[in-house]
């Protein structure tokens, strides 16, 4: 098993259970490159079975029941948007407090609570006597419990601000920023960073050419002295 959604975009994986949050976000389609893994019931259940199995393997636990109802894929897509908003509204450590990850292109940026749903979790000691935060339930309920548990743990550990969404408007994949000062904005600077810089350079050239064209037209239309 593996984090199939994230691996198809070749992004740097988040550590431990935080990779489950990253995995959910990366189920989203990126143009013609890869499909939406939550598009329908069969695809969503297949993805959840793989992701939950990988999460269980990482934590040394049994895989949960991943059966979904007919309405669950739509609810999972809404949950994905909730976590995208949570990431894009949170400032990255070491940056201006007012600056977070750029919103995904086309995303709804209307200010509102990330979620109004509470989730259940279980607290239980492990073999060493350390209390663990464990998700409960089945299917969508289990996933919500696991996602919010992992988010809380990542926020407590200080790794949450390093989970970001690529700033390339044609990408938007979720990646883990391992840079020393947490300043990364591209999932891969050679792919998305260079592409974005090239588009910006071409745009600047078009603007400059248009401005020079307007200036030449004015000169040609001016009366001779």
N, C-alpha and C. Protein backbone atom coordinates (compact mmCIF):
# COMPACT_ATOMS: atom_id res chain seq x y z
N UNK A 1 0.83 -1.19 0.00
CA UNK A 1 0.00 0.00 0.00
C UNK A 1 0.87 1.25 0.00
N UNK A 2 0.29 2.37 -0.41
CA UNK A 2 1.04 3.61 -0.46
C UNK A 2 0.07 4.77 -0.48
N UNK A 3 0.62 5.98 -0.42
CA UNK A 3 -0.19 7.19 -0.54
C UNK A 3 -0.36 7.47 -2.03
N UNK A 4 -1.31 6.78 -2.64
CA UNK A 4 -1.45 6.77 -4.10
C UNK A 4 -1.75 8.14 -4.69
N UNK A 5 -2.61 8.92 -4.04
CA UNK A 5 -2.99 10.23 -4.58
C UNK A 5 -1.79 11.17 -4.63
N UNK A 6 -1.01 11.20 -3.57
CA UNK A 6 0.16 12.08 -3.51
C UNK A 6 1.29 11.61 -4.40
N UNK A 7 1.48 10.30 -4.49
CA UNK A 7 2.59 9.78 -5.27
C UNK A 7 2.43 10.08 -6.76
N UNK A 8 1.20 10.17 -7.24
CA UNK A 8 1.02 10.44 -8.67
C UNK A 8 1.48 11.84 -9.05
N UNK A 9 1.57 12.76 -8.07
CA UNK A 9 2.06 14.11 -8.33
C UNK A 9 3.53 14.29 -7.94
N UNK A 10 4.13 13.21 -7.42
CA UNK A 10 5.56 13.21 -7.07
C UNK A 10 5.92 14.34 -6.12
N UNK A 11 5.11 14.49 -5.10
CA UNK A 11 5.35 15.54 -4.11
C UNK A 11 6.11 14.97 -2.92
N UNK A 12 6.75 15.85 -2.16
CA UNK A 12 7.42 15.42 -0.94
C UNK A 12 6.34 15.05 0.08
N UNK A 13 6.47 13.86 0.67
CA UNK A 13 5.46 13.36 1.58
C UNK A 13 5.58 14.02 2.96
N UNK A 14 4.44 14.30 3.55
CA UNK A 14 4.41 14.76 4.94
C UNK A 14 4.75 13.57 5.84
N UNK A 15 5.30 13.83 7.02
CA UNK A 15 5.69 12.74 7.91
C UNK A 15 4.50 12.08 8.60
N UNK A 16 4.66 10.81 8.90
CA UNK A 16 3.72 10.04 9.71
C UNK A 16 2.28 10.23 9.25
N UNK A 17 1.37 10.43 10.22
CA UNK A 17 -0.05 10.51 9.89
C UNK A 17 -0.48 11.76 9.18
N UNK A 18 0.34 12.82 9.21
CA UNK A 18 -0.02 14.04 8.50
C UNK A 18 -0.14 13.79 7.00
N UNK A 19 0.50 12.73 6.53
CA UNK A 19 0.41 12.37 5.11
C UNK A 19 -1.02 12.04 4.72
N UNK A 20 -1.86 11.66 5.66
CA UNK A 20 -3.26 11.37 5.34
C UNK A 20 -3.99 12.64 4.93
N UNK A 21 -3.72 13.75 5.60
CA UNK A 21 -4.33 15.03 5.22
C UNK A 21 -3.85 15.43 3.83
N UNK A 22 -2.56 15.32 3.60
CA UNK A 22 -1.98 15.62 2.29
C UNK A 22 -2.61 14.73 1.22
N UNK A 23 -2.80 13.48 1.54
CA UNK A 23 -3.37 12.52 0.60
C UNK A 23 -4.79 12.91 0.21
N UNK A 24 -5.59 13.33 1.16
CA UNK A 24 -6.97 13.75 0.86
C UNK A 24 -6.96 14.90 -0.14
N UNK A 25 -6.14 15.91 0.10
CA UNK A 25 -6.11 17.08 -0.78
C UNK A 25 -5.65 16.68 -2.19
N UNK A 26 -4.72 15.75 -2.26
CA UNK A 26 -4.19 15.35 -3.57
C UNK A 26 -5.09 14.38 -4.33
N UNK A 27 -6.27 14.08 -3.78
CA UNK A 27 -7.25 13.32 -4.57
C UNK A 27 -7.85 14.19 -5.67
N UNK A 28 -7.70 15.51 -5.55
CA UNK A 28 -8.29 16.41 -6.54
C UNK A 28 -7.58 16.26 -7.89
N UNK A 29 -8.37 16.39 -8.95
CA UNK A 29 -7.80 16.30 -10.30
C UNK A 29 -6.97 17.54 -10.61
N UNK A 30 -5.94 17.37 -11.43
CA UNK A 30 -5.16 18.49 -11.96
C UNK A 30 -5.26 18.43 -13.47
N UNK A 31 -6.20 19.17 -14.01
CA UNK A 31 -6.46 19.23 -15.45
C UNK A 31 -6.50 17.82 -16.04
N UNK A 32 -5.80 17.60 -17.16
CA UNK A 32 -5.83 16.29 -17.79
C UNK A 32 -4.75 15.36 -17.24
N UNK A 33 -3.99 15.84 -16.24
CA UNK A 33 -2.86 15.05 -15.75
C UNK A 33 -3.32 13.84 -14.95
N UNK A 34 -4.32 14.02 -14.10
CA UNK A 34 -4.81 12.92 -13.27
C UNK A 34 -6.25 13.20 -12.86
N UNK A 35 -7.07 12.16 -12.71
CA UNK A 35 -8.49 12.35 -12.40
C UNK A 35 -8.76 12.61 -10.92
N UNK A 36 -9.98 13.02 -10.62
CA UNK A 36 -10.44 13.20 -9.25
C UNK A 36 -10.72 11.82 -8.67
N UNK A 37 -10.03 11.47 -7.59
CA UNK A 37 -10.19 10.15 -7.00
C UNK A 37 -11.43 10.05 -6.12
N UNK A 38 -12.16 11.15 -5.97
CA UNK A 38 -13.41 11.13 -5.22
C UNK A 38 -14.59 11.42 -6.13
N UNK A 39 -14.41 11.21 -7.41
CA UNK A 39 -15.42 11.59 -8.40
C UNK A 39 -16.70 10.78 -8.27
N UNK A 40 -16.59 9.50 -7.89
CA UNK A 40 -17.77 8.66 -7.78
C UNK A 40 -17.58 7.66 -6.64
N UNK A 41 -18.61 6.88 -6.38
CA UNK A 41 -18.59 5.99 -5.22
C UNK A 41 -17.48 4.94 -5.32
N UNK A 42 -17.35 4.31 -6.46
CA UNK A 42 -16.34 3.26 -6.61
C UNK A 42 -14.93 3.80 -6.44
N UNK A 43 -14.65 4.93 -7.09
CA UNK A 43 -13.31 5.52 -6.99
C UNK A 43 -13.01 5.97 -5.57
N UNK A 44 -13.99 6.61 -4.92
CA UNK A 44 -13.79 7.12 -3.57
C UNK A 44 -13.55 5.99 -2.58
N UNK A 45 -14.31 4.92 -2.69
CA UNK A 45 -14.14 3.79 -1.77
C UNK A 45 -12.81 3.10 -2.00
N UNK A 46 -12.39 3.00 -3.26
CA UNK A 46 -11.09 2.40 -3.56
C UNK A 46 -9.97 3.25 -2.98
N UNK A 47 -10.08 4.58 -3.13
CA UNK A 47 -9.04 5.46 -2.58
C UNK A 47 -8.99 5.36 -1.06
N UNK A 48 -10.17 5.42 -0.41
CA UNK A 48 -10.19 5.39 1.05
C UNK A 48 -9.63 4.08 1.58
N UNK A 49 -9.92 2.97 0.92
CA UNK A 49 -9.40 1.68 1.36
C UNK A 49 -7.87 1.69 1.33
N UNK A 50 -7.29 2.23 0.27
CA UNK A 50 -5.83 2.30 0.18
C UNK A 50 -5.23 3.26 1.18
N UNK A 51 -5.83 4.44 1.31
CA UNK A 51 -5.29 5.46 2.22
C UNK A 51 -5.40 5.02 3.68
N UNK A 52 -6.54 4.46 4.04
CA UNK A 52 -6.72 4.00 5.42
C UNK A 52 -5.78 2.83 5.72
N UNK A 53 -5.57 1.97 4.73
CA UNK A 53 -4.64 0.86 4.91
C UNK A 53 -3.22 1.34 5.13
N UNK A 54 -2.81 2.37 4.38
CA UNK A 54 -1.47 2.91 4.57
C UNK A 54 -1.34 3.60 5.92
N UNK A 55 -2.38 4.36 6.31
CA UNK A 55 -2.36 5.01 7.63
C UNK A 55 -2.23 3.96 8.72
N UNK A 56 -3.00 2.87 8.61
CA UNK A 56 -2.95 1.80 9.61
C UNK A 56 -1.57 1.16 9.66
N UNK A 57 -0.96 0.97 8.49
CA UNK A 57 0.38 0.38 8.44
C UNK A 57 1.39 1.27 9.14
N UNK A 58 1.31 2.59 8.89
CA UNK A 58 2.23 3.54 9.51
C UNK A 58 2.11 3.50 11.04
N UNK A 59 0.89 3.34 11.53
CA UNK A 59 0.65 3.38 12.98
C UNK A 59 0.64 2.00 13.63
N UNK A 60 0.81 0.95 12.83
CA UNK A 60 0.82 -0.39 13.39
C UNK A 60 -0.53 -0.84 13.91
N UNK A 61 -1.60 -0.44 13.21
CA UNK A 61 -2.96 -0.76 13.62
C UNK A 61 -3.68 -1.52 12.52
N UNK A 62 -4.85 -2.05 12.86
CA UNK A 62 -5.66 -2.74 11.87
C UNK A 62 -6.40 -1.73 11.00
N UNK A 63 -6.60 -2.08 9.74
CA UNK A 63 -7.33 -1.21 8.82
C UNK A 63 -8.80 -1.13 9.22
N UNK A 64 -9.41 0.04 9.08
CA UNK A 64 -10.82 0.19 9.42
C UNK A 64 -11.73 -0.29 8.29
N UNK A 65 -13.01 -0.36 8.59
CA UNK A 65 -14.02 -0.64 7.58
C UNK A 65 -14.16 0.62 6.72
N UNK A 66 -13.97 0.49 5.42
CA UNK A 66 -13.95 1.67 4.55
C UNK A 66 -15.17 1.75 3.63
N UNK A 67 -16.25 1.05 3.97
CA UNK A 67 -17.46 1.10 3.15
C UNK A 67 -18.06 2.50 3.17
N UNK A 68 -18.50 2.98 2.01
CA UNK A 68 -19.09 4.32 1.89
C UNK A 68 -20.54 4.20 1.45
N UNK A 69 -21.34 5.19 1.85
CA UNK A 69 -22.72 5.27 1.39
C UNK A 69 -22.75 6.00 0.05
N UNK A 70 -23.86 5.96 -0.68
CA UNK A 70 -23.93 6.67 -1.97
C UNK A 70 -23.67 8.17 -1.87
N UNK A 71 -23.98 8.78 -0.72
CA UNK A 71 -23.80 10.23 -0.58
C UNK A 71 -22.41 10.61 -0.06
N UNK A 72 -21.64 9.63 0.36
CA UNK A 72 -20.35 9.93 0.98
C UNK A 72 -19.32 10.58 0.05
N UNK A 73 -19.24 10.20 -1.23
CA UNK A 73 -18.23 10.86 -2.09
C UNK A 73 -18.40 12.38 -2.13
N UNK A 74 -19.63 12.87 -2.21
CA UNK A 74 -19.85 14.32 -2.20
C UNK A 74 -19.42 14.93 -0.87
N UNK A 75 -19.70 14.22 0.24
CA UNK A 75 -19.30 14.71 1.54
C UNK A 75 -17.78 14.73 1.68
N UNK A 76 -17.10 13.76 1.07
CA UNK A 76 -15.64 13.73 1.12
C UNK A 76 -15.04 14.87 0.30
N UNK A 77 -15.68 15.21 -0.81
CA UNK A 77 -15.19 16.35 -1.59
C UNK A 77 -15.35 17.65 -0.79
N UNK A 78 -16.45 17.77 -0.05
CA UNK A 78 -16.63 18.94 0.82
C UNK A 78 -15.57 18.95 1.92
N UNK A 79 -15.27 17.78 2.46
CA UNK A 79 -14.25 17.68 3.50
C UNK A 79 -12.89 18.10 2.95
N UNK A 80 -12.61 17.71 1.74
CA UNK A 80 -11.36 18.10 1.08
C UNK A 80 -11.25 19.62 0.98
N UNK A 81 -12.33 20.28 0.60
CA UNK A 81 -12.34 21.74 0.52
C UNK A 81 -12.13 22.36 1.90
N UNK A 82 -12.68 21.74 2.93
CA UNK A 82 -12.50 22.25 4.29
C UNK A 82 -11.03 22.27 4.67
N UNK A 83 -10.32 21.21 4.34
CA UNK A 83 -8.90 21.14 4.69
C UNK A 83 -8.06 22.06 3.80
N UNK A 84 -8.48 22.27 2.57
CA UNK A 84 -7.78 23.24 1.72
C UNK A 84 -7.90 24.63 2.31
N UNK A 85 -9.09 24.98 2.78
CA UNK A 85 -9.27 26.30 3.40
C UNK A 85 -8.45 26.41 4.67
N UNK A 86 -8.40 25.32 5.43
CA UNK A 86 -7.63 25.36 6.68
C UNK A 86 -6.15 25.61 6.40
N UNK A 87 -5.63 24.99 5.36
CA UNK A 87 -4.22 25.17 5.01
C UNK A 87 -3.96 26.56 4.44
N UNK A 88 -4.83 27.03 3.55
CA UNK A 88 -4.56 28.30 2.87
C UNK A 88 -4.82 29.51 3.76
N UNK A 89 -5.52 29.35 4.87
CA UNK A 89 -5.75 30.47 5.77
C UNK A 89 -4.78 30.50 6.94
N UNK A 90 -3.98 29.44 7.09
CA UNK A 90 -3.04 29.38 8.20
C UNK A 90 -1.70 29.95 7.78
N UNK A 91 -1.14 30.93 8.53
CA UNK A 91 0.18 31.47 8.19
C UNK A 91 1.27 30.44 8.43
N UNK A 92 2.25 30.43 7.54
CA UNK A 92 3.40 29.54 7.69
C UNK A 92 4.36 30.12 8.71
N UNK A 93 4.96 29.29 9.53
CA UNK A 93 5.91 29.78 10.52
C UNK A 93 7.10 30.41 9.81
N UNK A 94 7.59 31.52 10.39
CA UNK A 94 8.72 32.20 9.79
C UNK A 94 8.33 33.18 8.71
N UNK A 95 6.99 33.36 8.48
CA UNK A 95 6.54 34.30 7.47
C UNK A 95 5.67 35.34 8.13
N UNK A 96 5.27 36.33 7.35
CA UNK A 96 4.36 37.35 7.82
C UNK A 96 3.10 36.68 8.34
N UNK A 97 2.61 37.01 9.55
CA UNK A 97 1.43 36.37 10.10
C UNK A 97 0.21 36.49 9.22
N UNK A 98 0.17 37.48 8.36
CA UNK A 98 -0.99 37.67 7.50
C UNK A 98 -0.89 36.91 6.19
N UNK A 99 0.19 36.17 6.00
CA UNK A 99 0.41 35.49 4.73
C UNK A 99 0.33 33.99 4.93
N UNK A 100 -0.55 33.33 4.20
CA UNK A 100 -0.65 31.88 4.25
C UNK A 100 -0.32 31.31 2.89
N UNK A 101 -0.67 30.06 2.67
CA UNK A 101 -0.49 29.46 1.36
C UNK A 101 -1.51 30.04 0.40
N UNK A 102 -1.10 30.30 -0.84
CA UNK A 102 -2.02 30.87 -1.82
C UNK A 102 -3.20 29.93 -2.05
N UNK A 103 -4.44 30.48 -2.15
CA UNK A 103 -5.60 29.62 -2.40
C UNK A 103 -5.49 28.91 -3.74
N UNK A 104 -6.08 27.72 -3.82
CA UNK A 104 -6.12 27.00 -5.07
C UNK A 104 -6.91 27.80 -6.09
N UNK A 105 -6.47 27.90 -7.34
CA UNK A 105 -7.20 28.63 -8.36
C UNK A 105 -8.65 28.18 -8.46
N UNK A 106 -9.57 29.15 -8.43
CA UNK A 106 -10.98 28.83 -8.53
C UNK A 106 -11.61 28.46 -7.21
N UNK A 107 -10.80 28.44 -6.15
CA UNK A 107 -11.34 28.04 -4.85
C UNK A 107 -12.25 29.13 -4.29
N UNK A 108 -13.23 28.71 -3.50
CA UNK A 108 -14.12 29.64 -2.83
C UNK A 108 -13.39 30.23 -1.64
N UNK A 109 -13.14 31.53 -1.67
CA UNK A 109 -12.38 32.19 -0.61
C UNK A 109 -13.28 32.97 0.33
N UNK A 110 -14.59 32.73 0.28
CA UNK A 110 -15.52 33.41 1.17
C UNK A 110 -15.20 33.03 2.61
N UNK A 111 -14.96 34.02 3.51
CA UNK A 111 -14.62 33.68 4.90
C UNK A 111 -15.79 32.96 5.57
N UNK A 112 -15.52 31.80 6.16
CA UNK A 112 -16.52 31.06 6.93
C UNK A 112 -15.81 29.98 7.71
N UNK A 113 -16.45 29.42 8.74
CA UNK A 113 -15.80 28.37 9.53
C UNK A 113 -15.38 27.20 8.65
N UNK A 114 -14.25 26.59 8.98
CA UNK A 114 -13.77 25.45 8.21
C UNK A 114 -14.78 24.32 8.28
N UNK A 115 -15.35 24.08 9.44
CA UNK A 115 -16.36 23.04 9.60
C UNK A 115 -17.19 23.32 10.83
N UNK A 116 -18.43 22.87 10.81
CA UNK A 116 -19.27 23.00 11.99
C UNK A 116 -19.60 21.62 12.57
N UNK A 117 -18.87 20.61 12.12
CA UNK A 117 -19.08 19.25 12.59
C UNK A 117 -18.03 18.87 13.64
N UNK A 118 -18.48 18.23 14.68
CA UNK A 118 -17.55 17.67 15.64
C UNK A 118 -17.28 16.22 15.28
N UNK A 119 -16.17 15.67 15.73
CA UNK A 119 -15.85 14.27 15.46
C UNK A 119 -15.49 13.57 16.76
N UNK A 120 -15.67 12.26 16.78
CA UNK A 120 -15.33 11.46 17.96
C UNK A 120 -13.94 10.85 17.79
N UNK A 121 -13.21 10.76 18.87
CA UNK A 121 -11.91 10.09 18.90
C UNK A 121 -11.83 9.26 20.18
N UNK A 122 -10.84 8.41 20.23
CA UNK A 122 -10.64 7.57 21.42
C UNK A 122 -9.24 7.81 21.97
N UNK A 123 -9.14 7.98 23.27
CA UNK A 123 -7.85 8.10 23.94
C UNK A 123 -7.54 6.77 24.61
N UNK A 124 -6.36 6.23 24.30
CA UNK A 124 -6.00 4.94 24.87
C UNK A 124 -4.49 4.85 25.04
N UNK A 125 -4.00 4.23 26.12
CA UNK A 125 -2.55 4.10 26.32
C UNK A 125 -1.98 2.99 25.44
N UNK A 126 -0.74 3.20 24.98
CA UNK A 126 -0.08 2.14 24.22
C UNK A 126 0.71 1.24 25.17
N UNK A 127 1.54 0.35 24.63
CA UNK A 127 2.28 -0.60 25.45
C UNK A 127 3.29 0.07 26.37
N UNK A 128 3.72 1.28 26.00
CA UNK A 128 4.68 2.02 26.85
C UNK A 128 3.97 2.96 27.82
N UNK A 129 2.65 2.93 27.82
CA UNK A 129 1.91 3.79 28.73
C UNK A 129 1.67 5.19 28.21
N UNK A 130 2.02 5.45 26.94
CA UNK A 130 1.80 6.76 26.33
C UNK A 130 0.38 6.81 25.77
N UNK A 131 -0.35 7.88 26.08
CA UNK A 131 -1.72 8.01 25.61
C UNK A 131 -1.73 8.37 24.14
N UNK A 132 -2.52 7.63 23.37
CA UNK A 132 -2.62 7.85 21.92
C UNK A 132 -4.01 8.36 21.58
N UNK A 133 -4.05 9.18 20.54
CA UNK A 133 -5.30 9.71 20.01
C UNK A 133 -5.68 8.84 18.81
N UNK A 134 -6.77 8.09 18.93
CA UNK A 134 -7.12 7.11 17.90
C UNK A 134 -8.46 7.44 17.26
N UNK A 135 -8.55 7.36 15.94
CA UNK A 135 -9.82 7.60 15.26
C UNK A 135 -10.79 6.45 15.50
N UNK A 136 -12.07 6.75 15.43
CA UNK A 136 -13.10 5.73 15.63
C UNK A 136 -14.11 5.81 14.48
N UNK A 137 -14.94 4.78 14.38
CA UNK A 137 -15.98 4.78 13.37
C UNK A 137 -15.61 3.96 12.15
N UNK A 138 -16.38 4.16 11.09
CA UNK A 138 -16.16 3.43 9.85
C UNK A 138 -16.36 4.38 8.68
N UNK A 139 -15.77 4.04 7.54
CA UNK A 139 -15.97 4.82 6.33
C UNK A 139 -15.65 6.30 6.49
N UNK A 140 -16.60 7.14 6.08
CA UNK A 140 -16.38 8.59 6.16
C UNK A 140 -16.16 9.06 7.58
N UNK A 141 -16.91 8.50 8.54
CA UNK A 141 -16.75 8.90 9.93
C UNK A 141 -15.35 8.63 10.44
N UNK A 142 -14.80 7.45 10.06
CA UNK A 142 -13.43 7.15 10.49
C UNK A 142 -12.45 8.14 9.88
N UNK A 143 -12.63 8.46 8.59
CA UNK A 143 -11.70 9.37 7.93
C UNK A 143 -11.72 10.74 8.58
N UNK A 144 -12.89 11.26 8.88
CA UNK A 144 -12.97 12.56 9.54
C UNK A 144 -12.26 12.52 10.89
N UNK A 145 -12.50 11.45 11.65
CA UNK A 145 -11.86 11.31 12.95
C UNK A 145 -10.34 11.26 12.81
N UNK A 146 -9.85 10.51 11.83
CA UNK A 146 -8.41 10.39 11.62
C UNK A 146 -7.79 11.71 11.16
N UNK A 147 -8.46 12.39 10.24
CA UNK A 147 -7.92 13.64 9.70
C UNK A 147 -7.79 14.72 10.77
N UNK A 148 -8.83 14.89 11.56
CA UNK A 148 -8.76 15.94 12.59
C UNK A 148 -7.81 15.55 13.71
N UNK A 149 -7.69 14.26 14.00
CA UNK A 149 -6.70 13.82 14.98
C UNK A 149 -5.29 14.12 14.52
N UNK A 150 -5.01 13.80 13.25
CA UNK A 150 -3.67 14.05 12.71
C UNK A 150 -3.37 15.54 12.60
N UNK A 151 -4.39 16.32 12.31
CA UNK A 151 -4.20 17.77 12.25
C UNK A 151 -3.83 18.32 13.62
N UNK A 152 -4.54 17.89 14.64
CA UNK A 152 -4.23 18.33 16.00
C UNK A 152 -2.82 17.94 16.39
N UNK A 153 -2.44 16.70 16.11
CA UNK A 153 -1.09 16.23 16.47
C UNK A 153 -0.02 17.02 15.72
N UNK A 154 -0.27 17.32 14.44
CA UNK A 154 0.71 18.08 13.64
C UNK A 154 0.82 19.51 14.15
N UNK A 155 -0.29 20.11 14.55
CA UNK A 155 -0.25 21.46 15.09
C UNK A 155 0.52 21.49 16.41
N UNK A 156 0.32 20.48 17.22
CA UNK A 156 1.06 20.39 18.49
C UNK A 156 2.55 20.16 18.26
N UNK A 157 2.86 19.39 17.22
CA UNK A 157 4.27 19.07 16.93
C UNK A 157 4.98 20.17 16.14
N UNK A 158 4.21 21.13 15.60
CA UNK A 158 4.81 22.22 14.82
C UNK A 158 5.04 21.89 13.37
N UNK A 159 4.54 20.76 12.89
CA UNK A 159 4.74 20.40 11.48
C UNK A 159 3.60 20.86 10.58
N UNK A 160 2.48 21.25 11.16
CA UNK A 160 1.32 21.65 10.37
C UNK A 160 1.62 22.78 9.38
N UNK A 161 2.33 23.86 9.78
CA UNK A 161 2.58 24.96 8.83
C UNK A 161 3.41 24.56 7.62
N UNK A 162 4.01 23.39 7.63
CA UNK A 162 4.83 22.95 6.50
C UNK A 162 4.01 22.21 5.44
N UNK A 163 2.76 21.93 5.71
CA UNK A 163 1.89 21.33 4.71
C UNK A 163 1.28 22.47 3.89
N UNK A 164 1.59 22.52 2.60
CA UNK A 164 1.21 23.65 1.76
C UNK A 164 0.60 23.20 0.45
N UNK A 165 0.02 24.15 -0.27
CA UNK A 165 -0.53 23.91 -1.59
C UNK A 165 0.31 24.67 -2.61
N UNK A 166 0.75 23.98 -3.64
CA UNK A 166 1.63 24.58 -4.64
C UNK A 166 1.02 25.85 -5.23
N UNK A 167 1.83 26.89 -5.36
CA UNK A 167 1.34 28.18 -5.82
C UNK A 167 1.13 28.23 -7.33
N UNK A 168 1.63 27.26 -8.06
CA UNK A 168 1.41 27.23 -9.51
C UNK A 168 -0.08 27.08 -9.78
N UNK A 169 -0.66 28.02 -10.50
CA UNK A 169 -2.10 28.03 -10.75
C UNK A 169 -2.58 26.81 -11.53
N UNK A 170 -1.68 26.13 -12.23
CA UNK A 170 -2.06 24.94 -12.98
C UNK A 170 -1.75 23.64 -12.23
N UNK A 171 -1.29 23.76 -11.00
CA UNK A 171 -0.96 22.58 -10.21
C UNK A 171 -1.85 22.52 -8.97
N UNK A 172 -1.43 23.19 -7.89
CA UNK A 172 -2.23 23.20 -6.67
C UNK A 172 -2.14 21.92 -5.86
N UNK A 173 -1.10 21.10 -6.07
CA UNK A 173 -0.97 19.88 -5.28
C UNK A 173 -0.47 20.22 -3.87
N UNK A 174 -0.79 19.35 -2.92
CA UNK A 174 -0.35 19.54 -1.54
C UNK A 174 1.03 18.92 -1.37
N UNK A 175 1.96 19.66 -0.77
CA UNK A 175 3.31 19.15 -0.55
C UNK A 175 3.80 19.53 0.83
N UNK A 176 4.83 18.84 1.28
CA UNK A 176 5.42 19.12 2.58
C UNK A 176 6.71 19.91 2.38
N UNK A 177 6.77 21.09 2.96
CA UNK A 177 7.92 21.98 2.80
C UNK A 177 8.99 21.63 3.83
N UNK A 178 10.08 21.06 3.35
CA UNK A 178 11.17 20.66 4.25
C UNK A 178 12.31 21.68 4.27
N UNK A 179 12.11 22.85 3.67
CA UNK A 179 13.17 23.87 3.66
C UNK A 179 13.44 24.36 5.08
N UNK A 180 14.67 24.83 5.31
CA UNK A 180 15.07 25.23 6.66
C UNK A 180 14.16 26.33 7.22
N UNK A 181 13.84 27.33 6.42
CA UNK A 181 13.03 28.45 6.91
C UNK A 181 11.57 28.37 6.49
N UNK A 182 11.15 27.21 6.00
CA UNK A 182 9.75 26.99 5.64
C UNK A 182 9.26 28.03 4.64
N UNK A 183 10.05 28.27 3.60
CA UNK A 183 9.74 29.34 2.64
C UNK A 183 9.29 28.81 1.28
N UNK A 184 9.15 27.50 1.13
CA UNK A 184 8.78 26.94 -0.16
C UNK A 184 7.37 27.29 -0.58
N UNK A 185 7.18 27.52 -1.88
CA UNK A 185 5.84 27.82 -2.40
C UNK A 185 5.48 26.91 -3.57
N UNK A 186 6.47 26.17 -4.11
CA UNK A 186 6.24 25.25 -5.23
C UNK A 186 6.44 23.82 -4.76
N UNK A 187 5.63 22.89 -5.30
CA UNK A 187 5.85 21.49 -4.92
C UNK A 187 7.16 21.00 -5.53
N UNK A 188 7.57 21.58 -6.66
CA UNK A 188 8.87 21.30 -7.30
C UNK A 188 9.27 22.56 -8.05
N UNK A 189 10.32 23.22 -7.59
CA UNK A 189 10.71 24.49 -8.18
C UNK A 189 11.12 24.33 -9.63
N UNK A 190 11.65 23.16 -10.01
CA UNK A 190 12.09 22.95 -11.38
C UNK A 190 10.91 22.79 -12.33
N UNK A 191 9.80 22.29 -11.81
CA UNK A 191 8.62 22.09 -12.65
C UNK A 191 7.68 23.28 -12.55
N UNK A 192 7.14 23.49 -11.37
CA UNK A 192 6.14 24.55 -11.21
C UNK A 192 6.76 25.93 -11.06
N UNK A 193 7.89 26.01 -10.36
CA UNK A 193 8.52 27.32 -10.19
C UNK A 193 8.99 27.89 -11.51
N UNK A 194 9.68 27.08 -12.30
CA UNK A 194 10.18 27.55 -13.60
C UNK A 194 9.04 27.89 -14.55
N UNK A 195 7.98 27.06 -14.52
CA UNK A 195 6.83 27.32 -15.41
C UNK A 195 6.15 28.63 -15.04
N UNK A 196 5.99 28.88 -13.75
CA UNK A 196 5.34 30.11 -13.31
C UNK A 196 6.20 31.33 -13.63
N UNK A 197 7.52 31.20 -13.43
CA UNK A 197 8.41 32.31 -13.74
C UNK A 197 8.44 32.60 -15.24
N UNK A 198 8.35 31.55 -16.05
CA UNK A 198 8.33 31.73 -17.50
C UNK A 198 7.05 32.45 -17.93
N UNK A 199 5.90 32.05 -17.36
CA UNK A 199 4.64 32.73 -17.69
C UNK A 199 4.68 34.19 -17.28
N UNK A 200 5.26 34.46 -16.11
CA UNK A 200 5.34 35.84 -15.63
C UNK A 200 6.25 36.66 -16.54
N UNK A 201 7.36 36.05 -16.99
CA UNK A 201 8.27 36.76 -17.87
C UNK A 201 7.60 37.09 -19.21
N UNK A 202 6.85 36.13 -19.75
CA UNK A 202 6.16 36.37 -21.01
C UNK A 202 5.10 37.45 -20.86
N UNK A 203 4.41 37.44 -19.71
CA UNK A 203 3.40 38.47 -19.46
C UNK A 203 4.02 39.85 -19.39
N UNK A 204 5.17 39.95 -18.72
CA UNK A 204 5.86 41.24 -18.63
C UNK A 204 6.29 41.72 -20.01
N UNK A 205 6.75 40.80 -20.85
CA UNK A 205 7.17 41.17 -22.20
C UNK A 205 5.98 41.65 -23.04
N UNK A 206 4.82 40.98 -22.89
CA UNK A 206 3.63 41.41 -23.63
C UNK A 206 3.18 42.80 -23.20
N UNK A 207 3.23 43.05 -21.88
CA UNK A 207 2.84 44.36 -21.37
C UNK A 207 3.80 45.44 -21.87
N UNK A 208 5.11 45.13 -21.85
CA UNK A 208 6.10 46.09 -22.31
C UNK A 208 5.96 46.36 -23.80
N UNK A 209 5.70 45.30 -24.59
CA UNK A 209 5.53 45.47 -26.03
C UNK A 209 4.29 46.29 -26.35
N UNK A 210 3.21 46.06 -25.58
CA UNK A 210 1.98 46.82 -25.79
C UNK A 210 2.19 48.28 -25.46
N UNK A 211 2.94 48.54 -24.37
CA UNK A 211 3.19 49.92 -23.98
C UNK A 211 4.06 50.63 -25.01
N UNK A 212 5.06 49.93 -25.54
CA UNK A 212 5.92 50.54 -26.57
C UNK A 212 5.14 50.78 -27.85
N UNK A 213 4.18 49.87 -28.16
CA UNK A 213 3.36 50.06 -29.35
C UNK A 213 2.47 51.29 -29.23
N UNK A 214 1.91 51.50 -28.06
CA UNK A 214 1.08 52.68 -27.83
C UNK A 214 1.90 53.95 -27.96
N UNK A 215 3.13 53.92 -27.46
CA UNK A 215 3.99 55.08 -27.53
C UNK A 215 4.35 55.42 -28.97
N UNK A 216 4.65 54.38 -29.78
CA UNK A 216 4.97 54.60 -31.20
C UNK A 216 3.79 55.17 -31.95
N UNK A 217 2.58 54.69 -31.63
CA UNK A 217 1.38 55.20 -32.32
C UNK A 217 1.16 56.65 -32.02
N UNK A 218 1.40 57.04 -30.80
CA UNK A 218 1.25 58.45 -30.44
C UNK A 218 2.24 59.32 -31.16
N UNK A 219 3.50 58.81 -31.29
CA UNK A 219 4.53 59.58 -31.99
C UNK A 219 4.17 59.76 -33.46
N UNK A 220 3.62 58.70 -34.09
CA UNK A 220 3.29 58.78 -35.51
C UNK A 220 2.12 59.72 -35.74
N UNK A 221 1.23 59.84 -34.79
CA UNK A 221 0.07 60.69 -34.97
C UNK A 221 0.30 62.13 -34.58
N UNK A 222 1.46 62.46 -34.04
CA UNK A 222 1.72 63.83 -33.60
C UNK A 222 2.04 64.72 -34.81
N UNK A 223 1.55 65.99 -34.86
CA UNK A 223 1.85 66.90 -35.98
C UNK A 223 3.32 67.28 -36.01
N UNK A 224 3.81 67.45 -37.22
CA UNK A 224 5.21 67.83 -37.38
C UNK A 224 5.44 69.24 -36.87
N UNK A 225 6.56 69.51 -36.22
CA UNK A 225 6.86 70.82 -35.66
C UNK A 225 7.50 71.73 -36.69
